């Protein structure tokens, strides 16, 4: 069973930055495309960044140019650097596999709150 542990969230002012981390419990990160998702209150969970096993990245227009996903396969960790945050980025952020129908059990997520 794979466990996902997200961390790095917090409260920031608009324009601020945060770096999220996702630790995967098994040495299999290199085998999967990975992604960061977020879920705001009353909204569906959405993919905000993805990275393939070969390093190709994907971002929706809402975060393109502000968010950067990366991975450290040796440390079984996936990162999300978030810059120029705005209140619309407020949500719980999760990591999991991406670009397929397969998902591990979701972790607890990490809360990101952007407000002045």
Protein backbone atom coordinates (compact mmCIF):
# COMPACT_ATOMS: atom_id res chain seq x y z
CA UNK A 1 0.00 0.00 0.00
CA UNK A 2 1.34 3.39 -0.99
CA UNK A 3 1.01 6.32 1.38
CA UNK A 4 1.13 9.95 0.28
CA UNK A 5 2.08 12.66 2.75
CA UNK A 6 1.69 16.26 1.65
CA UNK A 7 3.27 19.15 3.53
CA UNK A 8 4.32 22.76 3.16
CA UNK A 9 0.97 24.51 3.12
CA UNK A 10 0.14 27.56 5.16
CA UNK A 11 -1.33 31.04 5.14
CA UNK A 12 0.19 33.68 2.89
CA UNK A 13 -0.72 37.10 1.59
CA UNK A 14 -1.60 37.65 -2.08
CA UNK A 15 1.58 37.68 -4.12
CA UNK A 16 3.33 35.29 -1.76
CA UNK A 17 4.94 31.93 -2.41
CA UNK A 18 4.82 28.44 -0.97
CA UNK A 19 6.64 25.20 -1.76
CA UNK A 20 4.67 22.01 -1.25
CA UNK A 21 6.20 18.57 -0.84
CA UNK A 22 4.69 15.13 -1.33
CA UNK A 23 6.50 12.16 0.16
CA UNK A 24 5.65 8.78 -1.34
CA UNK A 25 6.15 5.79 0.94
CA UNK A 26 7.58 3.46 -1.68
CA UNK A 27 10.40 3.79 -4.21
CA UNK A 28 8.09 3.89 -7.21
CA UNK A 29 7.75 7.58 -7.99
CA UNK A 30 9.97 7.21 -11.04
CA UNK A 31 7.52 4.75 -12.59
CA UNK A 32 4.49 7.04 -12.62
CA UNK A 33 3.31 10.35 -13.93
CA UNK A 34 2.56 12.44 -10.87
CA UNK A 35 0.34 15.41 -10.24
CA UNK A 36 -0.77 18.01 -7.76
CA UNK A 37 -4.48 18.51 -7.30
CA UNK A 38 -6.49 20.98 -5.27
CA UNK A 39 -10.00 21.11 -3.90
CA UNK A 40 -11.63 24.32 -2.75
CA UNK A 41 -14.77 24.30 -0.60
CA UNK A 42 -17.80 23.39 -2.69
CA UNK A 43 -15.73 22.62 -5.76
CA UNK A 44 -14.48 19.47 -7.44
CA UNK A 45 -10.89 18.38 -7.11
CA UNK A 46 -8.85 19.63 -10.06
CA UNK A 47 -5.41 18.92 -11.46
CA UNK A 48 -3.15 21.97 -11.19
CA UNK A 49 0.17 20.48 -12.27
CA UNK A 50 1.41 17.21 -13.73
CA UNK A 51 4.75 15.71 -14.62
CA UNK A 52 5.34 12.58 -16.66
CA UNK A 53 7.94 9.93 -15.92
CA UNK A 54 10.13 11.59 -18.55
CA UNK A 55 9.77 15.07 -17.08
CA UNK A 56 7.20 16.64 -19.38
CA UNK A 57 5.03 19.04 -17.42
CA UNK A 58 1.45 20.22 -17.73
CA UNK A 59 -0.35 23.19 -16.19
CA UNK A 60 -3.84 24.53 -16.71
CA UNK A 61 -4.09 28.18 -17.73
CA UNK A 62 -5.17 29.18 -14.23
CA UNK A 63 -1.70 28.47 -12.80
CA UNK A 64 0.58 28.48 -15.84
CA UNK A 65 3.60 30.69 -15.27
CA UNK A 66 3.06 30.72 -11.50
CA UNK A 67 3.30 27.05 -10.44
CA UNK A 68 6.18 24.67 -11.10
CA UNK A 69 6.08 20.93 -10.48
CA UNK A 70 9.24 18.91 -10.03
CA UNK A 71 10.25 15.50 -8.77
CA UNK A 72 13.16 13.92 -6.96
CA UNK A 73 12.94 10.23 -7.79
CA UNK A 74 15.81 9.33 -5.48
CA UNK A 75 13.90 10.81 -2.53
CA UNK A 76 10.47 9.63 -3.71
CA UNK A 77 9.23 13.20 -3.44
CA UNK A 78 7.23 15.49 -5.68
CA UNK A 79 7.30 19.27 -5.23
CA UNK A 80 5.06 22.16 -6.19
CA UNK A 81 6.53 25.65 -6.18
CA UNK A 82 3.73 28.21 -6.11
CA UNK A 83 4.45 31.88 -6.77
CA UNK A 84 2.26 34.95 -7.14
CA UNK A 85 -0.47 33.31 -5.12
CA UNK A 86 -3.94 34.84 -5.15
CA UNK A 87 -7.07 34.16 -3.09
CA UNK A 88 -8.44 31.86 -5.83
CA UNK A 89 -5.57 29.47 -5.05
CA UNK A 90 -7.00 28.82 -1.58
CA UNK A 91 -7.70 25.10 -1.32
CA UNK A 92 -6.50 21.81 0.10
CA UNK A 93 -3.68 20.50 -2.09
CA UNK A 94 -3.08 16.81 -2.74
CA UNK A 95 -0.64 14.78 -4.79
CA UNK A 96 -1.30 11.53 -6.62
CA UNK A 97 -0.71 9.85 -9.94
CA UNK A 98 -1.77 11.73 -13.06
CA UNK A 99 -2.72 11.25 -16.72
CA UNK A 100 -4.39 7.90 -16.11
CA UNK A 101 -7.40 6.44 -14.32
CA UNK A 102 -5.18 4.86 -11.65
CA UNK A 103 -4.92 6.56 -8.26
CA UNK A 104 -3.41 5.60 -4.96
CA UNK A 105 -5.43 6.29 -1.81
CA UNK A 106 -5.50 10.03 -1.23
CA UNK A 107 -3.43 11.54 1.55
CA UNK A 108 -4.66 14.12 4.02
CA UNK A 109 -3.61 17.02 1.84
CA UNK A 110 -2.12 20.33 2.91
CA UNK A 111 -4.15 23.51 3.34
CA UNK A 112 -3.16 26.62 1.42
CA UNK A 113 -4.87 29.87 2.38
CA UNK A 114 -4.23 33.10 0.52
CA UNK A 115 -5.71 36.21 2.07
CA UNK A 116 -4.80 39.70 3.12
